[in-house]
C-alpha atoms as a PDB file:
ATOM      1  CA  MET A   1      89.517   1.575  98.755  1.00  0.00           C
ATOM      2  CA  GLU A   2      87.719   4.478 100.493  1.00  0.00           C
ATOM      3  CA  ASN A   3      84.667   4.978  99.063  1.00  0.00           C
ATOM      4  CA  THR A   4      84.575   8.777  98.493  1.00  0.00           C
ATOM      5  CA  ASN A   5      81.089   8.794  97.452  1.00  0.00           C
ATOM      6  CA  ASN A   6      79.063  10.665 100.295  1.00  0.00           C
ATOM      7  CA  ASP A   7      75.432  10.447  99.746  1.00  0.00           C
ATOM      8  CA  ASN A   8      74.599  12.498 102.939  1.00  0.00           C
ATOM      9  CA  ALA A   9      76.861  16.133 100.919  1.00  0.00           C
ATOM     10  CA  LEU A  10      75.004  19.099 102.065  1.00  0.00           C
ATOM     11  CA  TYR A  11      75.253  21.848  99.390  1.00  0.00           C
ATOM     12  CA  CYS A  12      74.406  25.633  99.491  1.00  0.00           C
ATOM     13  CA  SER A  13      71.082  25.956  97.710  1.00  0.00           C
ATOM     14  CA  ARG A  14      72.744  30.095  96.705  1.00  0.00           C
ATOM     15  CA  CYS A  15      76.215  29.442  95.433  1.00  0.00           C
ATOM     16  CA  GLY A  16      76.511  25.592  94.791  1.00  0.00           C
ATOM     17  CA  ALA A  17      79.319  24.946  97.789  1.00  0.00           C
ATOM     18  CA  LEU A  18      79.993  21.593  99.415  1.00  0.00           C
ATOM     19  CA  ILE A  19      79.297  22.342 103.267  1.00  0.00           C
ATOM     20  CA  GLY A  20      81.712  19.800 105.233  1.00  0.00           C
ATOM     21  CA  GLU A  21      80.207  18.158 108.011  1.00  0.00           C
ATOM     22  CA  ASP A  22      82.259  20.298 110.671  1.00  0.00           C
ATOM     23  CA  GLU A  23      80.504  23.880 109.178  1.00  0.00           C
ATOM     24  CA  ASP A  24      77.891  25.519 110.153  1.00  0.00           C
ATOM     25  CA  TYR A  25      74.846  26.177 107.698  1.00  0.00           C
ATOM     26  CA  GLU A  26      71.299  27.764 107.940  1.00  0.00           C
ATOM     27  CA  GLU A  27      68.362  26.728 106.420  1.00  0.00           C
ATOM     28  CA  VAL A  28      66.204  30.064 104.739  1.00  0.00           C
ATOM     29  CA  ASN A  29      62.482  29.306 103.169  1.00  0.00           C
ATOM     30  CA  GLY A  30      63.670  25.707 103.744  1.00  0.00           C
ATOM     31  CA  ARG A  31      66.932  26.433 101.659  1.00  0.00           C
ATOM     32  CA  ILE A  32      70.079  25.190 103.073  1.00  0.00           C
ATOM     33  CA  VAL A  33      72.390  27.822 102.803  1.00  0.00           C
ATOM     34  CA  CYS A  34      76.476  28.011 103.884  1.00  0.00           C
ATOM     35  CA  MET A  35      77.044  30.479 106.238  1.00  0.00           C
ATOM     36  CA  GLU A  36      78.997  32.719 103.977  1.00  0.00           C
ATOM     37  CA  CYS A  37      75.961  33.207 102.366  1.00  0.00           C
ATOM     38  CA  TYR A  38      73.786  33.529 104.658  1.00  0.00           C
ATOM     39  CA  GLU A  39      75.702  36.853 105.867  1.00  0.00           C
ATOM     40  CA  GLN A  40      76.387  38.124 103.058  1.00  0.00           C
ATOM     41  CA  HIS A  41      72.827  37.773 101.387  1.00  0.00           C
ATOM     42  CA  THR A  42      70.209  37.551 104.562  1.00  0.00           C
ATOM     43  CA  THR A  43      68.681  39.484 106.485  1.00  0.00           C
ATOM     44  CA  THR A  44      65.954  39.869 109.055  1.00  0.00           C
ATOM     45  CA  CYS A  45      62.286  41.270 109.113  1.00  0.00           C
ATOM     46  CA  GLU A  46      62.324  44.110 111.540  1.00  0.00           C
ATOM     47  CA  ARG A  47      58.265  43.607 111.739  1.00  0.00           C
ATOM     48  CA  CYS A  48      58.340  39.454 112.129  1.00  0.00           C
ATOM     49  CA  GLY A  49      62.111  38.697 112.839  1.00  0.00           C
ATOM     50  CA  GLU A  50      61.562  36.132 109.330  1.00  0.00           C
ATOM     51  CA  VAL A  51      65.070  35.760 107.606  1.00  0.00           C
ATOM     52  CA  ILE A  52      64.430  36.632 104.521  1.00  0.00           C
ATOM     53  CA  TRP A  53      66.739  37.006 101.206  1.00  0.00           C
ATOM     54  CA  THR A  54      68.190  40.548 101.415  1.00  0.00           C
ATOM     55  CA  ASP A  55      66.938  40.964  97.617  1.00  0.00           C
ATOM     56  CA  ASP A  56      63.510  40.084  98.779  1.00  0.00           C
ATOM     57  CA  SER A  57      63.141  43.043 101.445  1.00  0.00           C
ATOM     58  CA  TYR A  58      59.866  45.121 101.074  1.00  0.00           C
ATOM     59  CA  GLY A  59      61.032  48.172 102.581  1.00  0.00           C
ATOM     60  CA  ASP A  60      63.044  50.872 102.438  1.00  0.00           C
ATOM     61  CA  GLU A  61      67.014  52.282 103.406  1.00  0.00           C
ATOM     62  CA  TYR A  62      65.870  52.289 106.853  1.00  0.00           C
ATOM     63  CA  THR A  63      62.921  49.564 107.264  1.00  0.00           C
ATOM     64  CA  THR A  64      63.647  45.789 106.416  1.00  0.00           C
ATOM     65  CA  LEU A  65      60.520  43.989 105.934  1.00  0.00           C
ATOM     66  CA  CYS A  66      59.711  40.507 104.584  1.00  0.00           C
ATOM     67  CA  SER A  67      56.403  40.474 101.922  1.00  0.00           C
ATOM     68  CA  ASN A  68      53.914  39.042 104.273  1.00  0.00           C
ATOM     69  CA  CYS A  69      54.111  41.906 106.587  1.00  0.00           C
ATOM     70  CA  TYR A  70      54.893  44.596 104.212  1.00  0.00           C
ATOM     71  CA  HIS A  71      51.176  43.883 102.172  1.00  0.00           C
ATOM     72  CA  ASN A  72      49.382  43.314 105.356  1.00  0.00           C
ATOM     73  CA  HIS A  73      50.820  46.142 107.641  1.00  0.00           C
ATOM     74  CA  TYR A  74      52.155  49.252 104.984  1.00  0.00           C
ATOM     75  CA  THR A  75      51.870  50.785 102.137  1.00  0.00           C
ATOM     76  CA  ARG A  76      53.300  53.787 100.305  1.00  0.00           C
ATOM     77  CA  CYS A  77      52.092  57.095  99.029  1.00  0.00           C
ATOM     78  CA  SER A  78      50.985  57.040  96.432  1.00  0.00           C
ATOM     79  CA  CYS A  79      52.894  60.582  95.625  1.00  0.00           C
ATOM     80  CA  CYS A  80      56.366  60.197  96.864  1.00  0.00           C
ATOM     81  CA  ASP A  81      56.651  56.452  97.385  1.00  0.00           C
ATOM     82  CA  ALA A  82      57.776  56.618 100.484  1.00  0.00           C
ATOM     83  CA  LEU A  83      57.260  53.776 102.742  1.00  0.00           C
ATOM     84  CA  LEU A  84      54.399  53.564 105.249  1.00  0.00           C
ATOM     85  CA  HIS A  85      53.161  52.097 108.092  1.00  0.00           C
ATOM     86  CA  GLU A  86      48.666  51.503 107.576  1.00  0.00           C
ATOM     87  CA  ASP A  87      48.759  53.556 110.491  1.00  0.00           C
ATOM     88  CA  ASP A  88      50.481  56.143 109.013  1.00  0.00           C
ATOM     89  CA  ALA A  89      48.682  56.514 106.010  1.00  0.00           C
ATOM     90  CA  TYR A  90      46.544  59.525 104.886  1.00  0.00           C
ATOM     91  CA  HIS A  91      43.836  58.227 102.695  1.00  0.00           C
ATOM     92  CA  LEU A  92      42.870  60.337  99.773  1.00  0.00           C
ATOM     93  CA  ASP A  93      40.677  59.533  96.926  1.00  0.00           C
ATOM     94  CA  GLY A  94      41.298  55.184  96.986  1.00  0.00           C
ATOM     95  CA  TYR A  95      44.938  56.505  97.042  1.00  0.00           C
ATOM     96  CA  ASP A  96      47.232  56.676 100.173  1.00  0.00           C
ATOM     97  CA  TYR A  97      49.233  59.542 101.197  1.00  0.00           C
ATOM     98  CA  CYS A  98      52.690  60.326 103.479  1.00  0.00           C
ATOM     99  CA  SER A  99      51.370  64.067 105.870  1.00  0.00           C
ATOM    100  CA  ASP A 100      53.546  66.126 103.298  1.00  0.00           C
ATOM    101  CA  CYS A 101      51.977  64.840 100.310  1.00  0.00           C
ATOM    102  CA  TYR A 102      48.366  64.596 101.674  1.00  0.00           C
ATOM    103  CA  HIS A 103      48.443  67.909 103.269  1.00  0.00           C
ATOM    104  CA  VAL A 104      49.488  69.309  99.782  1.00  0.00           C
ATOM    105  CA  ARG A 105      46.625  67.859  97.666  1.00  0.00           C
ATOM    106  CA  SER A 106      44.312  68.601 100.781  1.00  0.00           C
END
C-alpha cells in the first residue's frame, strides 16, 4: 500500500493550495506563496526592491512603497494628501505640504 501522507507538503499561506513538488513558489515576509498568488497579490517597493503584498503598499497610484521606505523617506501633504518624498515637502507650522498647497498657505 502506498503512503499518500506527505509530511513535507507545502501549502500556499495566502490561498491554501497545495504546492506540488514540481511547482515553483516564492516567499513573502517568510511566508510560502504559490506563483499564482505571488503574481496576483504582490508588488515591489520602488525604493528598496522588497516584495510586499499589494494591499500593504503605502504609495499612491504612481509609486509603490513598503512601510519602512514610506515612514523613513516620505510624507503626505497635510492639505491634499499627495505623496511627497521628504526632500520635496514644504514645512509650515509643523505640517508638511506639497508645493501648490504650501504656496497657497504662505
